Amino acid sequence: MFEVLSLDMGAAMKTLVLTLDLIGTFVFALSGAAAGARRRLDIFGVLVLSFVAACSGGIVRDLLIGATPPAAISDWRYLVVSSLAGLCIFFWDPLVKRLGNSVLIFDAAGLALFCVAGAQKALVFGLEPWMAALLGMLTGIGGGIARDVLLSNVPAVFRSDVYAVAALAGAGVVVLGDALQLPTTPTAIAGAVLCFGLRMAAIRYDWHLPTVRSREPDEAQQPESGNRDQSR
């Protein structure tokens, strides 16, 4: 009886991870495709960008935990879901633009779903809790980094935005819930809501992490003072 219950719980966990993964794939693909549409890429470029943005984080996650070949490559559903999102953006981009900052909204939603799914899958593969949280964060930020690099933008995670921190917080909720043996679905929802809320609040209120204070203005003033001394 206990073996059957254990198998049922394992199957339920895998189903939850797959569901979150596919939803996150679709949302992150929307973010990648919308960014490509802003740059006026052709349909092939939009589809490539949607797949890269949607699947890069999951591919890195699977390679690190030894789940090879990565699900995004071995499972046809990931390609279909990301392509469908890319086509939606390509043909109905005017409707998407009515959402305003659609890329930021889709990106925040994808970040929330992927950080939770990444942490859940890491726990399924037996990783330590703190490593599972870090891997959940990496799963969330990987797609955004790949998308921004292909578009020659500085990735959001490196611009001192509350981005990776939000993903780490969401993954941390999942890991904490697992340690306390709380129900997986409510814990996953709570983690995703926390991550999404932190990210959107950071965008709304312009929250930033501390940055290094630049000394360039002081250096720029030195030649000017030297020139004034010479003119005297």
C-alpha atoms as a PDB file:
ATOM      1  CA  MET A   1       0.000   0.000   0.000  1.00  0.00           C
ATOM      2  CA  PHE A   2       2.763   2.398   0.955  1.00  0.00           C
ATOM      3  CA  GLU A   3       4.629   1.562  -2.273  1.00  0.00           C
ATOM      4  CA  VAL A   4       1.537   2.386  -4.321  1.00  0.00           C
ATOM      5  CA  LEU A   5       1.088   5.654  -2.431  1.00  0.00           C
ATOM      6  CA  SER A   6       4.762   6.512  -3.016  1.00  0.00           C
ATOM      7  CA  LEU A   7       4.409   5.803  -6.727  1.00  0.00           C
ATOM      8  CA  ASP A   8       1.275   7.945  -6.907  1.00  0.00           C
ATOM      9  CA  MET A   9       3.031  10.849  -5.192  1.00  0.00           C
ATOM     10  CA  GLY A  10       6.027  10.512  -7.531  1.00  0.00           C
ATOM     11  CA  ALA A  11       3.789  10.461 -10.591  1.00  0.00           C
ATOM     12  CA  ALA A  12       1.838  13.465  -9.305  1.00  0.00           C
ATOM     13  CA  MET A  13       5.065  15.397  -8.742  1.00  0.00           C
ATOM     14  CA  LYS A  14       6.304  14.631 -12.262  1.00  0.00           C
ATOM     15  CA  THR A  15       2.942  15.670 -13.702  1.00  0.00           C
ATOM     16  CA  LEU A  16       3.067  18.948 -11.776  1.00  0.00           C
ATOM     17  CA  VAL A  17       6.617  19.665 -12.955  1.00  0.00           C
ATOM     18  CA  LEU A  18       5.687  18.910 -16.580  1.00  0.00           C
ATOM     19  CA  THR A  19       2.583  21.118 -16.371  1.00  0.00           C
ATOM     20  CA  LEU A  20       4.505  24.047 -14.893  1.00  0.00           C
ATOM     21  CA  ASP A  21       7.278  23.516 -17.424  1.00  0.00           C
ATOM     22  CA  LEU A  22       4.924  23.625 -20.421  1.00  0.00           C
ATOM     23  CA  ILE A  23       3.010  26.659 -19.126  1.00  0.00           C
ATOM     24  CA  GLY A  24       6.289  28.424 -18.386  1.00  0.00           C
ATOM     25  CA  THR A  25       7.557  27.475 -21.846  1.00  0.00           C
ATOM     26  CA  PHE A  26       4.534  29.076 -23.484  1.00  0.00           C
ATOM     27  CA  VAL A  27       4.769  32.253 -21.403  1.00  0.00           C
ATOM     28  CA  PHE A  28       8.517  32.681 -21.834  1.00  0.00           C
ATOM     29  CA  ALA A  29       8.127  31.967 -25.552  1.00  0.00           C
ATOM     30  CA  LEU A  30       5.633  34.835 -25.703  1.00  0.00           C
ATOM     31  CA  SER A  31       8.216  37.069 -24.053  1.00  0.00           C
ATOM     32  CA  GLY A  32      10.935  36.050 -26.531  1.00  0.00           C
ATOM     33  CA  ALA A  33       8.658  36.402 -29.537  1.00  0.00           C
ATOM     34  CA  ALA A  34       7.378  39.795 -28.372  1.00  0.00           C
ATOM     35  CA  ALA A  35      10.958  41.026 -27.960  1.00  0.00           C
ATOM     36  CA  GLY A  36      11.746  39.782 -31.471  1.00  0.00           C
ATOM     37  CA  ALA A  37       8.655  41.483 -32.877  1.00  0.00           C
ATOM     38  CA  ARG A  38       9.814  44.764 -31.341  1.00  0.00           C
ATOM     39  CA  ARG A  39      13.066  44.386 -33.297  1.00  0.00           C
ATOM     40  CA  ARG A  40      11.042  43.655 -36.461  1.00  0.00           C
ATOM     41  CA  LEU A  41      12.512  40.183 -36.984  1.00  0.00           C
ATOM     42  CA  ASP A  42      11.067  37.933 -39.667  1.00  0.00           C
ATOM     43  CA  ILE A  43       8.933  34.921 -38.789  1.00  0.00           C
ATOM     44  CA  PHE A  44      11.928  32.577 -38.571  1.00  0.00           C
ATOM     45  CA  GLY A  45      13.730  34.947 -36.220  1.00  0.00           C
ATOM     46  CA  VAL A  46      10.659  35.289 -34.022  1.00  0.00           C
ATOM     47  CA  LEU A  47      10.231  31.503 -33.798  1.00  0.00           C
ATOM     48  CA  VAL A  48      13.912  30.939 -33.005  1.00  0.00           C
ATOM     49  CA  LEU A  49      13.837  33.609 -30.330  1.00  0.00           C
ATOM     50  CA  SER A  50      10.653  32.172 -28.820  1.00  0.00           C
ATOM     51  CA  PHE A  51      12.238  28.701 -28.560  1.00  0.00           C
ATOM     52  CA  VAL A  52      15.526  29.985 -27.150  1.00  0.00           C
ATOM     53  CA  ALA A  53      13.808  32.179 -24.552  1.00  0.00           C
ATOM     54  CA  ALA A  54      11.451  29.380 -23.564  1.00  0.00           C
ATOM     55  CA  CYS A  55      13.824  26.417 -23.388  1.00  0.00           C
ATOM     56  CA  SER A  56      17.345  27.627 -22.551  1.00  0.00           C
ATOM     57  CA  GLY A  57      16.809  27.630 -18.799  1.00  0.00           C
ATOM     58  CA  GLY A  58      15.218  24.174 -18.824  1.00  0.00           C
ATOM     59  CA  ILE A  59      17.989  22.733 -21.007  1.00  0.00           C
ATOM     60  CA  VAL A  60      20.697  24.029 -18.649  1.00  0.00           C
ATOM     61  CA  ARG A  61      18.763  22.667 -15.667  1.00  0.00           C
ATOM     62  CA  ASP A  62      18.382  19.204 -17.166  1.00  0.00           C
ATOM     63  CA  LEU A  63      22.046  19.018 -18.161  1.00  0.00           C
ATOM     64  CA  LEU A  64      23.163  19.966 -14.647  1.00  0.00           C
ATOM     65  CA  ILE A  65      20.991  17.380 -12.886  1.00  0.00           C
ATOM     66  CA  GLY A  66      21.735  14.627 -15.418  1.00  0.00           C
ATOM     67  CA  ALA A  67      18.264  14.481 -16.959  1.00  0.00           C
ATOM     68  CA  THR A  68      19.561  13.806 -20.453  1.00  0.00           C
ATOM     69  CA  PRO A  69      18.604  14.290 -23.167  1.00  0.00           C
ATOM     70  CA  PRO A  70      16.954  17.520 -21.956  1.00  0.00           C
ATOM     71  CA  ALA A  71      13.167  17.491 -22.020  1.00  0.00           C
ATOM     72  CA  ALA A  72      13.057  20.523 -24.323  1.00  0.00           C
ATOM     73  CA  ILE A  73      14.883  18.461 -26.978  1.00  0.00           C
ATOM     74  CA  SER A  74      13.478  14.981 -26.418  1.00  0.00           C
ATOM     75  CA  ASP A  75       9.816  15.981 -25.908  1.00  0.00           C
ATOM     76  CA  TRP A  76       8.075  17.365 -29.014  1.00  0.00           C
ATOM     77  CA  ARG A  77       5.576  19.286 -26.876  1.00  0.00           C
ATOM     78  CA  TYR A  78       8.135  21.937 -25.932  1.00  0.00           C
ATOM     79  CA  LEU A  79       8.864  22.791 -29.564  1.00  0.00           C
ATOM     80  CA  VAL A  80       5.162  22.852 -30.429  1.00  0.00           C
ATOM     81  CA  VAL A  81       4.257  25.040 -27.446  1.00  0.00           C
ATOM     82  CA  SER A  82       7.063  27.549 -28.077  1.00  0.00           C
ATOM     83  CA  SER A  83       6.278  27.678 -31.806  1.00  0.00           C
ATOM     84  CA  LEU A  84       2.593  28.236 -31.100  1.00  0.00           C
ATOM     85  CA  ALA A  85       3.454  31.157 -28.822  1.00  0.00           C
ATOM     86  CA  GLY A  86       5.756  32.611 -31.474  1.00  0.00           C
ATOM     87  CA  LEU A  87       3.047  32.374 -34.137  1.00  0.00           C
ATOM     88  CA  CYS A  88       0.508  34.019 -31.820  1.00  0.00           C
ATOM     89  CA  ILE A  89       2.814  36.981 -31.345  1.00  0.00           C
ATOM     90  CA  PHE A  90       3.761  37.183 -35.021  1.00  0.00           C
ATOM     91  CA  PHE A  91       0.200  37.238 -36.341  1.00  0.00           C
ATOM     92  CA  TRP A  92      -1.559  38.994 -33.466  1.00  0.00           C
ATOM     93  CA  ASP A  93       1.150  41.354 -32.264  1.00  0.00           C
ATOM     94  CA  PRO A  94      -1.141  44.456 -32.373  1.00  0.00           C
ATOM     95  CA  LEU A  95      -3.474  42.777 -29.884  1.00  0.00           C
ATOM     96  CA  VAL A  96      -0.579  41.880 -27.595  1.00  0.00           C
ATOM     97  CA  LYS A  97       0.732  45.443 -27.669  1.00  0.00           C
ATOM     98  CA  ARG A  98      -2.488  46.611 -26.036  1.00  0.00           C
ATOM     99  CA  LEU A  99      -1.227  44.984 -22.853  1.00  0.00           C
ATOM    100  CA  GLY A 100       1.402  47.708 -22.629  1.00  0.00           C
ATOM    101  CA  ASN A 101       4.714  46.327 -21.387  1.00  0.00           C
ATOM    102  CA  SER A 102       3.840  42.864 -22.628  1.00  0.00           C
ATOM    103  CA  VAL A 103       7.432  41.623 -22.690  1.00  0.00           C
ATOM    104  CA  LEU A 104       7.911  42.513 -19.032  1.00  0.00           C
ATOM    105  CA  ILE A 105       4.621  40.890 -18.012  1.00  0.00           C
ATOM    106  CA  PHE A 106       5.302  37.674 -19.943  1.00  0.00           C
ATOM    107  CA  ASP A 107       8.882  37.618 -18.690  1.00  0.00           C
ATOM    108  CA  ALA A 108       7.788  37.972 -15.050  1.00  0.00           C
ATOM    109  CA  ALA A 109       5.206  35.200 -15.468  1.00  0.00           C
ATOM    110  CA  GLY A 110       7.719  32.895 -17.148  1.00  0.00           C
ATOM    111  CA  LEU A 111      10.284  33.628 -14.451  1.00  0.00           C
ATOM    112  CA  ALA A 112       7.760  32.699 -11.748  1.00  0.00           C
ATOM    113  CA  LEU A 113       6.722  29.436 -13.374  1.00  0.00           C
ATOM    114  CA  PHE A 114      10.209  28.310 -14.317  1.00  0.00           C
ATOM    115  CA  CYS A 115      11.837  28.998 -10.943  1.00  0.00           C
ATOM    116  CA  VAL A 116       9.147  26.858  -9.299  1.00  0.00           C
ATOM    117  CA  ALA A 117       9.348  24.068 -11.888  1.00  0.00           C
ATOM    118  CA  GLY A 118      13.147  24.075 -11.744  1.00  0.00           C
ATOM    119  CA  ALA A 119      13.201  23.718  -7.980  1.00  0.00           C
ATOM    120  CA  GLN A 120      10.548  20.984  -8.087  1.00  0.00           C
ATOM    121  CA  LYS A 121      12.468  18.953 -10.668  1.00  0.00           C
ATOM    122  CA  ALA A 122      15.720  19.358  -8.763  1.00  0.00           C
ATOM    123  CA  LEU A 123      14.028  17.976  -5.651  1.00  0.00           C
ATOM    124  CA  VAL A 124      12.632  15.056  -7.650  1.00  0.00           C
ATOM    125  CA  PHE A 125      16.206  14.205  -8.714  1.00  0.00           C
ATOM    126  CA  GLY A 126      17.346  14.236  -5.093  1.00  0.00           C
ATOM    127  CA  LEU A 127      19.367  17.457  -4.931  1.00  0.00           C
ATOM    128  CA  GLU A 128      20.059  19.151  -1.621  1.00  0.00           C
ATOM    129  CA  PRO A 129      17.533  21.893  -0.736  1.00  0.00           C
ATOM    130  CA  TRP A 130      19.897  24.844  -1.183  1.00  0.00           C
ATOM    131  CA  MET A 131      21.115  23.493  -4.518  1.00  0.00           C
ATOM    132  CA  ALA A 132      17.517  22.922  -5.614  1.00  0.00           C
ATOM    133  CA  ALA A 133      16.730  26.575  -4.841  1.00  0.00           C
ATOM    134  CA  LEU A 134      19.757  27.771  -6.818  1.00  0.00           C
ATOM    135  CA  LEU A 135      18.851  25.514  -9.733  1.00  0.00           C
ATOM    136  CA  GLY A 136      15.298  26.851  -9.667  1.00  0.00           C
ATOM    137  CA  MET A 137      16.695  30.376  -9.914  1.00  0.00           C
ATOM    138  CA  LEU A 138      18.979  29.356 -12.796  1.00  0.00           C
ATOM    139  CA  THR A 139      16.042  27.753 -14.620  1.00  0.00           C
ATOM    140  CA  GLY A 140      14.091  30.999 -14.305  1.00  0.00           C
ATOM    141  CA  ILE A 141      16.791  33.405 -15.445  1.00  0.00           C
ATOM    142  CA  GLY A 142      18.337  31.254 -18.205  1.00  0.00           C
ATOM    143  CA  GLY A 143      15.748  31.986 -20.892  1.00  0.00           C
ATOM    144  CA  GLY A 144      15.790  35.729 -20.278  1.00  0.00           C
ATOM    145  CA  ILE A 145      19.585  35.836 -20.455  1.00  0.00           C
ATOM    146  CA  ALA A 146      19.643  33.919 -23.747  1.00  0.00           C
ATOM    147  CA  ARG A 147      16.930  36.151 -25.230  1.00  0.00           C
ATOM    148  CA  ASP A 148      18.682  39.385 -24.253  1.00  0.00           C
ATOM    149  CA  VAL A 149      22.084  38.180 -25.472  1.00  0.00           C
ATOM    150  CA  LEU A 150      20.693  37.280 -28.903  1.00  0.00           C
ATOM    151  CA  LEU A 151      19.136  40.754 -29.119  1.00  0.00           C
ATOM    152  CA  SER A 152      22.413  42.421 -28.045  1.00  0.00           C
ATOM    153  CA  ASN A 153      20.874  43.686 -24.801  1.00  0.00           C
ATOM    154  CA  VAL A 154      22.455  43.564 -21.362  1.00  0.00           C
ATOM    155  CA  PRO A 155      20.499  40.784 -19.585  1.00  0.00           C
ATOM    156  CA  ALA A 156      18.046  42.041 -16.990  1.00  0.00           C
ATOM    157  CA  VAL A 157      19.684  39.890 -14.331  1.00  0.00           C
ATOM    158  CA  PHE A 158      22.893  41.923 -14.720  1.00  0.00           C
ATOM    159  CA  ARG A 159      21.221  45.334 -14.599  1.00  0.00           C
ATOM    160  CA  SER A 160      20.718  45.283 -10.817  1.00  0.00           C
ATOM    161  CA  ASP A 161      16.958  44.727 -11.189  1.00  0.00           C
ATOM    162  CA  VAL A 162      15.197  42.502  -8.648  1.00  0.00           C
ATOM    163  CA  TYR A 163      15.178  39.607 -11.093  1.00  0.00           C
ATOM    164  CA  ALA A 164      17.335  36.722  -9.952  1.00  0.00           C
ATOM    165  CA  VAL A 165      16.444  37.547  -6.339  1.00  0.00           C
ATOM    166  CA  ALA A 166      12.743  37.175  -7.155  1.00  0.00           C
ATOM    167  CA  ALA A 167      13.408  33.799  -8.792  1.00  0.00           C
ATOM    168  CA  LEU A 168      15.459  32.661  -5.801  1.00  0.00           C
ATOM    169  CA  ALA A 169      12.665  33.697  -3.429  1.00  0.00           C
ATOM    170  CA  GLY A 170      10.066  31.727  -5.402  1.00  0.00           C
ATOM    171  CA  ALA A 171      12.295  28.653  -5.566  1.00  0.00           C
ATOM    172  CA  GLY A 172      13.019  29.034  -1.853  1.00  0.00           C
ATOM    173  CA  VAL A 173       9.315  28.768  -1.041  1.00  0.00           C
ATOM    174  CA  VAL A 174       9.139  25.465  -2.930  1.00  0.00           C
ATOM    175  CA  VAL A 175      12.195  24.087  -1.137  1.00  0.00           C
ATOM    176  CA  LEU A 176      10.907  25.218   2.250  1.00  0.00           C
ATOM    177  CA  GLY A 177       7.515  23.670   1.583  1.00  0.00           C
ATOM    178  CA  ASP A 178       9.178  20.381   0.650  1.00  0.00           C
ATOM    179  CA  ALA A 179      11.250  20.439   3.847  1.00  0.00           C
ATOM    180  CA  LEU A 180       8.101  21.021   5.910  1.00  0.00           C
ATOM    181  CA  GLN A 181       6.256  18.329   3.904  1.00  0.00           C
ATOM    182  CA  LEU A 182       3.546  20.741   2.800  1.00  0.00           C
ATOM    183  CA  PRO A 183       1.277  19.957  -0.191  1.00  0.00           C
ATOM    184  CA  THR A 184       3.229  20.474  -3.404  1.00  0.00           C
ATOM    185  CA  THR A 185       0.620  22.271  -5.517  1.00  0.00           C
ATOM    186  CA  PRO A 186      -0.242  25.052  -3.025  1.00  0.00           C
ATOM    187  CA  THR A 187       3.472  25.476  -2.288  1.00  0.00           C
ATOM    188  CA  ALA A 188       4.258  25.795  -5.989  1.00  0.00           C
ATOM    189  CA  ILE A 189       1.476  28.344  -6.443  1.00  0.00           C
ATOM    190  CA  ALA A 190       2.724  30.341  -3.441  1.00  0.00           C
ATOM    191  CA  GLY A 191       6.272  30.353  -4.798  1.00  0.00           C
ATOM    192  CA  ALA A 192       5.160  31.467  -8.254  1.00  0.00           C
ATOM    193  CA  VAL A 193       2.934  34.217  -6.828  1.00  0.00           C
ATOM    194  CA  LEU A 194       5.771  35.509  -4.629  1.00  0.00           C
ATOM    195  CA  CYS A 195       8.236  35.590  -7.523  1.00  0.00           C
ATOM    196  CA  PHE A 196       5.766  37.270  -9.884  1.00  0.00           C
ATOM    197  CA  GLY A 197       4.729  39.788  -7.243  1.00  0.00           C
ATOM    198  CA  LEU A 198       8.320  40.739  -6.399  1.00  0.00           C
ATOM    199  CA  ARG A 199       9.231  41.131 -10.060  1.00  0.00           C
ATOM    200  CA  MET A 200       6.204  43.264 -10.925  1.00  0.00           C
ATOM    201  CA  ALA A 201       6.682  45.385  -7.790  1.00  0.00           C
ATOM    202  CA  ALA A 202      10.315  45.942  -8.780  1.00  0.00           C
ATOM    203  CA  ILE A 203       9.166  47.141 -12.211  1.00  0.00           C
ATOM    204  CA  ARG A 204       6.394  49.296 -10.775  1.00  0.00           C
ATOM    205  CA  TYR A 205       8.415  50.944  -8.015  1.00  0.00           C
ATOM    206  CA  ASP A 206      11.830  50.814  -9.722  1.00  0.00           C
ATOM    207  CA  TRP A 207      13.473  48.623  -7.102  1.00  0.00           C
ATOM    208  CA  HIS A 208      17.164  47.993  -7.695  1.00  0.00           C
ATOM    209  CA  LEU A 209      19.958  46.180  -5.947  1.00  0.00           C
ATOM    210  CA  PRO A 210      22.991  48.213  -4.822  1.00  0.00           C
ATOM    211  CA  THR A 211      25.539  48.984  -7.526  1.00  0.00           C
ATOM    212  CA  VAL A 212      29.190  49.992  -7.463  1.00  0.00           C
ATOM    213  CA  ARG A 213      29.614  53.728  -7.252  1.00  0.00           C
ATOM    214  CA  SER A 214      31.368  54.977 -10.365  1.00  0.00           C
ATOM    215  CA  ARG A 215      34.464  57.139  -9.964  1.00  0.00           C
ATOM    216  CA  GLU A 216      34.496  58.279 -13.579  1.00  0.00           C
ATOM    217  CA  PRO A 217      33.278  61.836 -12.833  1.00  0.00           C
ATOM    218  CA  ASP A 218      36.220  62.380 -10.463  1.00  0.00           C
ATOM    219  CA  GLU A 219      38.645  61.069 -13.056  1.00  0.00           C
ATOM    220  CA  ALA A 220      37.063  63.241 -15.727  1.00  0.00           C
ATOM    221  CA  GLN A 221      37.587  66.349 -13.601  1.00  0.00           C
ATOM    222  CA  GLN A 222      41.325  65.813 -13.198  1.00  0.00           C
ATOM    223  CA  PRO A 223      42.359  66.655 -16.787  1.00  0.00           C
ATOM    224  CA  GLU A 224      40.163  69.740 -16.685  1.00  0.00           C
ATOM    225  CA  SER A 225      41.854  71.047 -13.524  1.00  0.00           C
ATOM    226  CA  GLY A 226      45.243  70.290 -15.084  1.00  0.00           C
ATOM    227  CA  ASN A 227      44.308  72.260 -18.188  1.00  0.00           C
ATOM    228  CA  ARG A 228      43.221  75.198 -16.063  1.00  0.00           C
ATOM    229  CA  ASP A 229      46.552  75.129 -14.225  1.00  0.00           C
ATOM    230  CA  GLN A 230      48.430  75.159 -17.526  1.00  0.00           C
ATOM    231  CA  SER A 231      46.362  78.058 -18.835  1.00  0.00           C
ATOM    232  CA  ARG A 232      47.277  80.077 -15.813  1.00  0.00           C
END
